[in-house]
Amino acid sequence: MFDAGALVFFGVLGYLLIKFKFPLTPIILGFILGPLLETNLRRGLMLTDGDFLPFLTKPIAVFFLSIAVFSVVFKLWKKLQ
């Protein structure tokens, strides 16, 4: 019975995503890369004893975080114009 309910739920979810014109590519990427990101974040937090600060102070981490922030801000800026 759970499988039938899951089938109906994801069918309705897919229909709503198509109806409201959500892009499918980011959803698929998030579904595939989400568990990988979670595993590596947990591994990194175990190496730093739960401290999140090294993720923000190392030069390579700052570089990638700044690229991510820049891309989001740029996309929002282009959309508002």
N, C-alpha and C. Protein backbone atom coordinates (compact mmCIF):
# COMPACT_ATOMS: atom_id res chain seq x y z
N MET A 1 0.81 -1.19 0.00
CA MET A 1 0.00 0.00 0.00
C MET A 1 0.87 1.27 0.00
N PHE A 2 2.03 1.20 0.67
CA PHE A 2 2.93 2.36 0.69
C PHE A 2 3.39 2.70 -0.72
N ASP A 3 3.71 1.69 -1.52
CA ASP A 3 4.18 1.94 -2.89
C ASP A 3 3.13 2.66 -3.72
N ALA A 4 1.88 2.26 -3.56
CA ALA A 4 0.80 2.92 -4.31
C ALA A 4 0.65 4.37 -3.87
N GLY A 5 0.73 4.62 -2.58
CA GLY A 5 0.64 5.99 -2.08
C GLY A 5 1.80 6.85 -2.56
N ALA A 6 3.01 6.26 -2.55
CA ALA A 6 4.18 6.99 -3.03
C ALA A 6 4.05 7.29 -4.51
N LEU A 7 3.52 6.35 -5.28
CA LEU A 7 3.32 6.56 -6.71
C LEU A 7 2.35 7.71 -6.97
N VAL A 8 1.25 7.73 -6.23
CA VAL A 8 0.27 8.80 -6.41
C VAL A 8 0.86 10.15 -5.98
N PHE A 9 1.57 10.17 -4.85
CA PHE A 9 2.16 11.42 -4.36
C PHE A 9 3.14 12.00 -5.37
N PHE A 10 4.07 11.17 -5.85
CA PHE A 10 5.07 11.69 -6.79
C PHE A 10 4.47 11.98 -8.16
N GLY A 11 3.41 11.30 -8.51
CA GLY A 11 2.72 11.65 -9.75
C GLY A 11 2.07 13.02 -9.67
N VAL A 12 1.41 13.30 -8.55
CA VAL A 12 0.80 14.62 -8.35
C VAL A 12 1.87 15.70 -8.26
N LEU A 13 2.97 15.39 -7.55
CA LEU A 13 4.07 16.34 -7.45
C LEU A 13 4.65 16.65 -8.83
N GLY A 14 4.87 15.64 -9.64
CA GLY A 14 5.38 15.85 -11.00
C GLY A 14 4.43 16.67 -11.85
N TYR A 15 3.15 16.39 -11.72
CA TYR A 15 2.16 17.16 -12.47
C TYR A 15 2.18 18.63 -12.07
N LEU A 16 2.24 18.89 -10.75
CA LEU A 16 2.27 20.28 -10.28
C LEU A 16 3.54 21.00 -10.72
N LEU A 17 4.67 20.28 -10.71
CA LEU A 17 5.92 20.90 -11.16
C LEU A 17 5.85 21.27 -12.64
N ILE A 18 5.26 20.41 -13.44
CA ILE A 18 5.12 20.71 -14.86
C ILE A 18 4.12 21.85 -15.07
N LYS A 19 3.00 21.81 -14.32
CA LYS A 19 1.98 22.83 -14.49
C LYS A 19 2.49 24.22 -14.12
N PHE A 20 3.29 24.32 -13.06
CA PHE A 20 3.81 25.61 -12.64
C PHE A 20 5.17 25.93 -13.27
N LYS A 21 5.57 25.12 -14.24
CA LYS A 21 6.77 25.35 -15.06
C LYS A 21 8.06 25.44 -14.25
N PHE A 22 8.23 24.53 -13.31
CA PHE A 22 9.48 24.43 -12.58
C PHE A 22 10.51 23.74 -13.48
N PRO A 23 11.75 24.22 -13.49
CA PRO A 23 12.77 23.54 -14.29
C PRO A 23 13.13 22.20 -13.65
N LEU A 24 13.23 21.19 -14.47
CA LEU A 24 13.46 19.83 -13.97
C LEU A 24 14.93 19.56 -13.66
N THR A 25 15.84 20.22 -14.36
CA THR A 25 17.26 19.95 -14.19
C THR A 25 17.76 20.20 -12.77
N PRO A 26 17.46 21.33 -12.12
CA PRO A 26 17.93 21.52 -10.74
C PRO A 26 17.36 20.50 -9.77
N ILE A 27 16.14 20.07 -10.00
CA ILE A 27 15.53 19.07 -9.11
C ILE A 27 16.26 17.74 -9.25
N ILE A 28 16.57 17.34 -10.46
CA ILE A 28 17.28 16.08 -10.68
C ILE A 28 18.70 16.17 -10.11
N LEU A 29 19.38 17.30 -10.33
CA LEU A 29 20.72 17.47 -9.77
C LEU A 29 20.70 17.43 -8.25
N GLY A 30 19.73 18.07 -7.64
CA GLY A 30 19.62 18.04 -6.19
C GLY A 30 19.33 16.64 -5.67
N PHE A 31 18.51 15.90 -6.38
CA PHE A 31 18.18 14.54 -5.98
C PHE A 31 19.40 13.63 -6.07
N ILE A 32 20.23 13.83 -7.07
CA ILE A 32 21.41 12.98 -7.26
C ILE A 32 22.56 13.42 -6.35
N LEU A 33 22.82 14.72 -6.26
CA LEU A 33 23.97 15.21 -5.52
C LEU A 33 23.71 15.43 -4.04
N GLY A 34 22.46 15.44 -3.62
CA GLY A 34 22.12 15.67 -2.21
C GLY A 34 22.76 14.68 -1.25
N PRO A 35 22.61 13.38 -1.46
CA PRO A 35 23.24 12.42 -0.54
C PRO A 35 24.76 12.51 -0.53
N LEU A 36 25.37 12.78 -1.67
CA LEU A 36 26.82 12.93 -1.74
C LEU A 36 27.28 14.14 -0.93
N LEU A 37 26.56 15.24 -1.05
CA LEU A 37 26.88 16.44 -0.29
C LEU A 37 26.71 16.20 1.21
N GLU A 38 25.64 15.53 1.59
CA GLU A 38 25.40 15.27 3.00
C GLU A 38 26.49 14.38 3.61
N THR A 39 26.92 13.36 2.88
CA THR A 39 27.97 12.47 3.37
C THR A 39 29.28 13.21 3.55
N ASN A 40 29.66 14.01 2.59
CA ASN A 40 30.93 14.73 2.68
C ASN A 40 30.88 15.85 3.71
N LEU A 41 29.72 16.49 3.89
CA LEU A 41 29.60 17.50 4.94
C LEU A 41 29.75 16.85 6.31
N ARG A 42 29.12 15.70 6.49
CA ARG A 42 29.25 14.99 7.77
C ARG A 42 30.70 14.58 8.02
N ARG A 43 31.38 14.12 6.97
CA ARG A 43 32.79 13.74 7.09
C ARG A 43 33.65 14.94 7.46
N GLY A 44 33.42 16.07 6.84
CA GLY A 44 34.18 17.27 7.15
C GLY A 44 33.92 17.78 8.56
N LEU A 45 32.67 17.69 9.00
CA LEU A 45 32.36 18.12 10.37
C LEU A 45 32.98 17.18 11.39
N MET A 46 33.10 15.90 11.07
CA MET A 46 33.76 14.97 11.99
C MET A 46 35.25 15.29 12.08
N LEU A 47 35.86 15.70 10.97
CA LEU A 47 37.28 16.04 10.98
C LEU A 47 37.56 17.31 11.79
N THR A 48 36.61 18.23 11.83
CA THR A 48 36.79 19.48 12.56
C THR A 48 36.09 19.48 13.90
N ASP A 49 35.69 18.32 14.38
CA ASP A 49 34.99 18.18 15.67
C ASP A 49 33.72 19.02 15.73
N GLY A 50 32.98 19.07 14.63
CA GLY A 50 31.70 19.77 14.60
C GLY A 50 31.80 21.27 14.39
N ASP A 51 32.99 21.78 14.15
CA ASP A 51 33.16 23.22 13.96
C ASP A 51 32.96 23.56 12.49
N PHE A 52 32.06 24.50 12.22
CA PHE A 52 31.76 24.88 10.84
C PHE A 52 32.68 25.97 10.31
N LEU A 53 33.41 26.62 11.20
CA LEU A 53 34.25 27.76 10.82
C LEU A 53 35.33 27.43 9.78
N PRO A 54 36.00 26.27 9.82
CA PRO A 54 36.99 26.00 8.77
C PRO A 54 36.42 25.98 7.35
N PHE A 55 35.13 25.73 7.23
CA PHE A 55 34.51 25.77 5.90
C PHE A 55 34.41 27.19 5.37
N LEU A 56 34.53 28.16 6.25
CA LEU A 56 34.40 29.56 5.84
C LEU A 56 35.72 30.32 5.84
N THR A 57 36.78 29.73 6.40
CA THR A 57 38.04 30.46 6.52
C THR A 57 39.14 29.94 5.60
N LYS A 58 39.02 28.75 5.08
CA LYS A 58 40.03 28.22 4.16
C LYS A 58 39.90 28.92 2.81
N PRO A 59 41.02 29.24 2.16
CA PRO A 59 40.95 30.02 0.91
C PRO A 59 40.15 29.34 -0.20
N ILE A 60 40.28 28.05 -0.37
CA ILE A 60 39.55 27.38 -1.46
C ILE A 60 38.06 27.36 -1.16
N ALA A 61 37.70 27.21 0.13
CA ALA A 61 36.29 27.22 0.50
C ALA A 61 35.69 28.59 0.29
N VAL A 62 36.44 29.63 0.65
CA VAL A 62 35.96 31.01 0.45
C VAL A 62 35.79 31.27 -1.04
N PHE A 63 36.70 30.77 -1.85
CA PHE A 63 36.60 30.96 -3.30
C PHE A 63 35.32 30.35 -3.86
N PHE A 64 35.04 29.10 -3.50
CA PHE A 64 33.85 28.44 -4.03
C PHE A 64 32.57 29.03 -3.45
N LEU A 65 32.57 29.42 -2.19
CA LEU A 65 31.40 30.07 -1.61
C LEU A 65 31.13 31.42 -2.25
N SER A 66 32.19 32.16 -2.54
CA SER A 66 31.99 33.45 -3.19
C SER A 66 31.47 33.29 -4.61
N ILE A 67 31.91 32.27 -5.31
CA ILE A 67 31.37 32.00 -6.66
C ILE A 67 29.89 31.65 -6.57
N ALA A 68 29.51 30.84 -5.58
CA ALA A 68 28.11 30.47 -5.42
C ALA A 68 27.25 31.68 -5.09
N VAL A 69 27.71 32.51 -4.17
CA VAL A 69 26.95 33.71 -3.79
C VAL A 69 26.87 34.67 -4.98
N PHE A 70 27.97 34.84 -5.70
CA PHE A 70 27.96 35.73 -6.86
C PHE A 70 26.98 35.24 -7.92
N SER A 71 26.95 33.95 -8.17
CA SER A 71 26.05 33.44 -9.21
C SER A 71 24.59 33.62 -8.83
N VAL A 72 24.25 33.44 -7.55
CA VAL A 72 22.87 33.64 -7.12
C VAL A 72 22.49 35.12 -7.19
N VAL A 73 23.37 35.99 -6.72
CA VAL A 73 23.09 37.42 -6.76
C VAL A 73 22.99 37.91 -8.20
N PHE A 74 23.87 37.43 -9.06
CA PHE A 74 23.83 37.83 -10.47
C PHE A 74 22.54 37.38 -11.13
N LYS A 75 22.10 36.17 -10.84
CA LYS A 75 20.86 35.67 -11.43
C LYS A 75 19.66 36.49 -10.95
N LEU A 76 19.63 36.81 -9.66
CA LEU A 76 18.54 37.63 -9.14
C LEU A 76 18.58 39.04 -9.73
N TRP A 77 19.78 39.60 -9.85
CA TRP A 77 19.91 40.94 -10.43
C TRP A 77 19.43 40.97 -11.88
N LYS A 78 19.79 39.95 -12.66
CA LYS A 78 19.36 39.90 -14.06
C LYS A 78 17.84 39.71 -14.16
N LYS A 79 17.27 38.96 -13.21
CA LYS A 79 15.83 38.72 -13.27
C LYS A 79 15.04 39.98 -12.89
N LEU A 80 15.58 40.80 -11.99
CA LEU A 80 14.88 42.00 -11.57
C LEU A 80 14.96 43.13 -12.58
N GLN A 81 15.88 43.06 -13.51
CA GLN A 81 16.00 44.12 -14.52
C GLN A 81 15.08 43.93 -15.66
